[in-house]
Amino acid sequence: MFEKRRDRIREAQDGEIIDEKHHKRMMLVRAVIQRVSGGAVGAPGREKRTIGPGLVVLLGVGLEDEDSDVSYMADKIVNLRIFQDRNDKMNLSLLDTGGEMLVVSQFTLYGDCRSGRRPGFSEAAPPDLAQKLYADFVREVNSRGVAVRCGYFREHMRVEIINDGPVTMLLESKKSALI
């Protein structure tokens, strides 16, 4: 049975999942998660926002994303066990360590570079939807007891990431639910 399902569902190169039987395209909330010893974001004429040890999350929102994707991502990320315990084993979550999170909106995670030399962003959510789901994600993380700092939506930013490890993870909202 698993083989049949795997044959029907394939992952496209750009990270979307296509159900071969129903030809249904499903876009995913995408996040690049980096364990950091510190991070900061600033924009021209704006204050610099900084965090200490914790996570920097570059968050991309797709056309078909909804509230359930945001809840899944927030819960998964704050509970992701990528911090070392006293035995140097990745066994602790952001909640366990009391770390902070810096969230930066990143529509370029939906950049499609397969054709031509300039990426296309047609699969990224329009700004109004992206900003709403981005704000919802920040609220969800904060409601779980994590101190959150945010980037500046739709502004040119300078992001400083002091990756600890390095540890960098890619997470998509619907992948685990379908495969």
Protein backbone atom coordinates (compact mmCIF):
# COMPACT_ATOMS: atom_id res chain seq x y z
CA MET A 1 0.00 0.00 0.00
CA PHE A 2 2.81 2.42 0.87
CA GLU A 3 4.42 1.81 -2.52
CA LYS A 4 1.18 2.71 -4.30
CA ARG A 5 0.88 5.93 -2.34
CA ARG A 6 4.51 6.82 -3.02
CA ASP A 7 3.96 6.22 -6.74
CA ARG A 8 0.92 8.50 -6.77
CA ILE A 9 2.53 11.32 -4.83
CA ARG A 10 5.80 12.78 -5.93
CA GLU A 11 7.73 15.79 -4.80
CA ALA A 12 8.49 18.33 -7.50
CA GLN A 13 11.87 20.02 -7.67
CA ASP A 14 10.54 23.29 -6.27
CA GLY A 15 9.19 21.69 -3.10
CA GLU A 16 5.52 21.53 -3.96
CA ILE A 17 3.81 18.18 -3.70
CA ILE A 18 1.80 16.89 -6.62
CA ASP A 19 -0.74 14.11 -6.26
CA GLU A 20 -0.37 12.24 -9.57
CA LYS A 21 -3.85 10.70 -9.39
CA HIS A 22 -5.71 13.96 -8.85
CA HIS A 23 -3.16 16.36 -10.40
CA LYS A 24 -3.54 18.54 -7.37
CA ARG A 25 -0.80 21.04 -6.52
CA MET A 26 -0.28 21.84 -2.86
CA MET A 27 2.00 24.67 -1.81
CA LEU A 28 3.78 24.49 1.53
CA VAL A 29 4.76 27.01 4.17
CA ARG A 30 8.55 26.87 4.00
CA ALA A 31 11.03 27.68 6.72
CA VAL A 32 14.78 27.66 6.95
CA ILE A 33 15.60 27.20 10.63
CA GLN A 34 19.04 28.02 11.99
CA ARG A 35 20.25 27.37 15.50
CA VAL A 36 22.14 30.50 16.51
CA SER A 37 24.19 31.95 19.29
CA GLY A 38 22.78 35.31 18.22
CA GLY A 39 20.96 37.08 15.42
CA ALA A 40 19.82 40.52 14.36
CA VAL A 41 17.77 42.24 11.71
CA GLY A 42 17.65 45.87 10.70
CA ALA A 43 16.31 48.08 7.93
CA PRO A 44 17.26 51.59 6.81
CA GLY A 45 15.95 54.13 9.32
CA ARG A 46 14.68 51.38 11.66
CA GLU A 47 15.91 50.01 14.96
CA LYS A 48 18.03 46.88 14.94
CA ARG A 49 16.23 43.93 16.52
CA THR A 50 18.43 41.32 18.16
CA ILE A 51 18.20 37.95 19.89
CA GLY A 52 20.61 35.89 21.93
CA PRO A 53 20.84 32.10 21.71
CA GLY A 54 17.91 30.51 19.93
CA LEU A 55 16.61 30.22 16.38
CA VAL A 56 16.53 32.40 13.31
CA VAL A 57 13.59 31.39 11.13
CA LEU A 58 13.36 32.52 7.51
CA LEU A 59 9.66 32.03 6.74
CA GLY A 60 8.11 31.78 3.27
CA VAL A 61 4.35 31.68 2.69
CA GLY A 62 2.85 30.08 -0.44
CA LEU A 63 -0.32 30.77 -2.42
CA GLU A 64 -2.41 28.00 -0.85
CA ASP A 65 -1.25 28.30 2.76
CA GLU A 66 -3.74 28.61 5.58
CA ASP A 67 -4.03 28.81 9.36
CA SER A 68 -3.48 25.07 9.87
CA ASP A 69 -0.07 25.36 8.14
CA VAL A 70 0.90 28.17 10.50
CA SER A 71 -0.13 26.22 13.61
CA TYR A 72 1.75 23.14 12.44
CA MET A 73 4.92 25.12 11.71
CA ALA A 74 4.86 27.05 15.01
CA ASP A 75 4.38 23.88 17.06
CA LYS A 76 6.97 21.91 15.10
CA ILE A 77 9.65 24.60 15.26
CA VAL A 78 9.40 25.44 18.98
CA ASN A 79 9.50 21.72 19.81
CA LEU A 80 12.22 20.73 17.32
CA ARG A 81 14.99 19.05 19.34
CA ILE A 82 18.09 20.61 17.78
CA PHE A 83 19.86 21.95 20.87
CA GLN A 84 22.50 19.96 22.72
CA ASP A 85 21.85 18.42 26.09
CA ARG A 86 24.63 17.91 28.66
CA ASN A 87 25.77 14.80 26.73
CA ASP A 88 26.21 16.82 23.51
CA LYS A 89 23.24 15.07 21.92
CA MET A 90 20.62 17.11 20.00
CA ASN A 91 17.85 16.45 22.46
CA LEU A 92 16.49 19.82 23.61
CA SER A 93 13.96 22.16 22.01
CA LEU A 94 13.75 25.94 21.99
CA LEU A 95 11.16 25.63 24.76
CA ASP A 96 13.54 23.47 26.81
CA THR A 97 16.41 25.96 26.50
CA GLY A 98 14.38 29.15 26.97
CA GLY A 99 15.90 30.53 23.75
CA GLU A 100 14.56 33.34 21.60
CA MET A 101 13.38 33.39 17.99
CA LEU A 102 14.00 35.90 15.23
CA VAL A 103 11.47 35.52 12.39
CA VAL A 104 12.22 37.07 9.00
CA SER A 105 9.70 36.94 6.15
CA GLN A 106 11.37 35.43 3.10
CA PHE A 107 9.22 35.24 -0.03
CA THR A 108 12.37 34.34 -1.97
CA LEU A 109 12.09 30.81 -0.54
CA TYR A 110 9.50 30.44 -3.32
CA GLY A 111 11.92 31.57 -6.01
CA ASP A 112 11.67 29.27 -9.03
CA CYS A 113 15.02 29.17 -10.82
CA ARG A 114 14.34 26.25 -13.17
CA SER A 115 13.73 28.38 -16.23
CA GLY A 116 15.85 31.31 -17.37
CA ARG A 117 18.24 33.23 -15.21
CA ARG A 118 15.91 35.36 -13.15
CA PRO A 119 13.82 33.62 -10.49
CA GLY A 120 10.05 33.75 -10.67
CA PHE A 121 7.96 34.19 -7.53
CA SER A 122 4.49 33.29 -8.82
CA GLU A 123 4.04 30.58 -6.16
CA ALA A 124 4.66 32.99 -3.25
CA ALA A 125 1.57 34.28 -1.46
CA PRO A 126 0.43 37.81 -2.28
CA PRO A 127 1.64 40.36 0.28
CA ASP A 128 -1.67 40.71 2.17
CA LEU A 129 -2.03 36.96 2.76
CA ALA A 130 1.68 36.51 3.47
CA GLN A 131 1.69 39.31 6.04
CA LYS A 132 -1.40 37.93 7.79
CA LEU A 133 0.01 34.39 8.03
CA TYR A 134 3.44 35.72 9.03
CA ALA A 135 1.83 37.70 11.89
CA ASP A 136 -0.25 34.64 12.83
CA PHE A 137 2.93 32.53 12.97
CA VAL A 138 4.61 35.07 15.27
CA ARG A 139 1.54 35.10 17.55
CA GLU A 140 1.43 31.28 17.63
CA VAL A 141 5.10 31.07 18.62
CA ASN A 142 4.72 33.78 21.23
CA SER A 143 1.64 32.07 22.70
CA ARG A 144 3.83 29.03 23.35
CA GLY A 145 6.05 31.10 25.64
CA VAL A 146 8.87 32.03 23.26
CA ALA A 147 10.24 35.58 23.07
CA VAL A 148 9.99 36.59 19.40
CA ARG A 149 11.61 39.40 17.45
CA CYS A 150 10.49 40.12 13.89
CA GLY A 151 11.99 41.41 10.71
CA TYR A 152 10.39 44.26 8.75
CA PHE A 153 7.79 42.99 6.32
CA ARG A 154 8.26 44.12 2.67
CA GLU A 155 11.39 46.11 3.48
CA HIS A 156 14.99 45.64 2.48
CA MET A 157 16.68 44.14 5.54
CA ARG A 158 20.15 43.31 6.75
CA VAL A 159 20.08 40.01 8.61
CA GLU A 160 22.91 38.88 10.85
CA ILE A 161 23.00 35.20 11.71
CA ILE A 162 25.63 33.66 13.96
CA ASN A 163 24.91 30.01 13.20
CA ASP A 164 25.76 27.67 16.06
CA GLY A 165 27.05 24.32 14.86
CA PRO A 166 26.24 25.04 12.08
CA VAL A 167 22.74 23.63 12.41
CA THR A 168 20.34 24.49 9.58
CA MET A 169 17.05 22.72 8.90
CA LEU A 170 14.50 23.01 6.12
CA LEU A 171 10.87 22.47 7.13
CA GLU A 172 7.73 22.41 4.98
CA SER A 173 4.25 22.35 6.43
CA LYS A 174 2.52 19.59 4.49
CA LYS A 175 5.30 17.22 3.52
CA SER A 176 5.06 14.93 6.54
CA ALA A 177 1.29 14.75 6.30
CA LEU A 178 1.35 13.39 2.74
CA ILE A 179 4.34 11.10 2.43
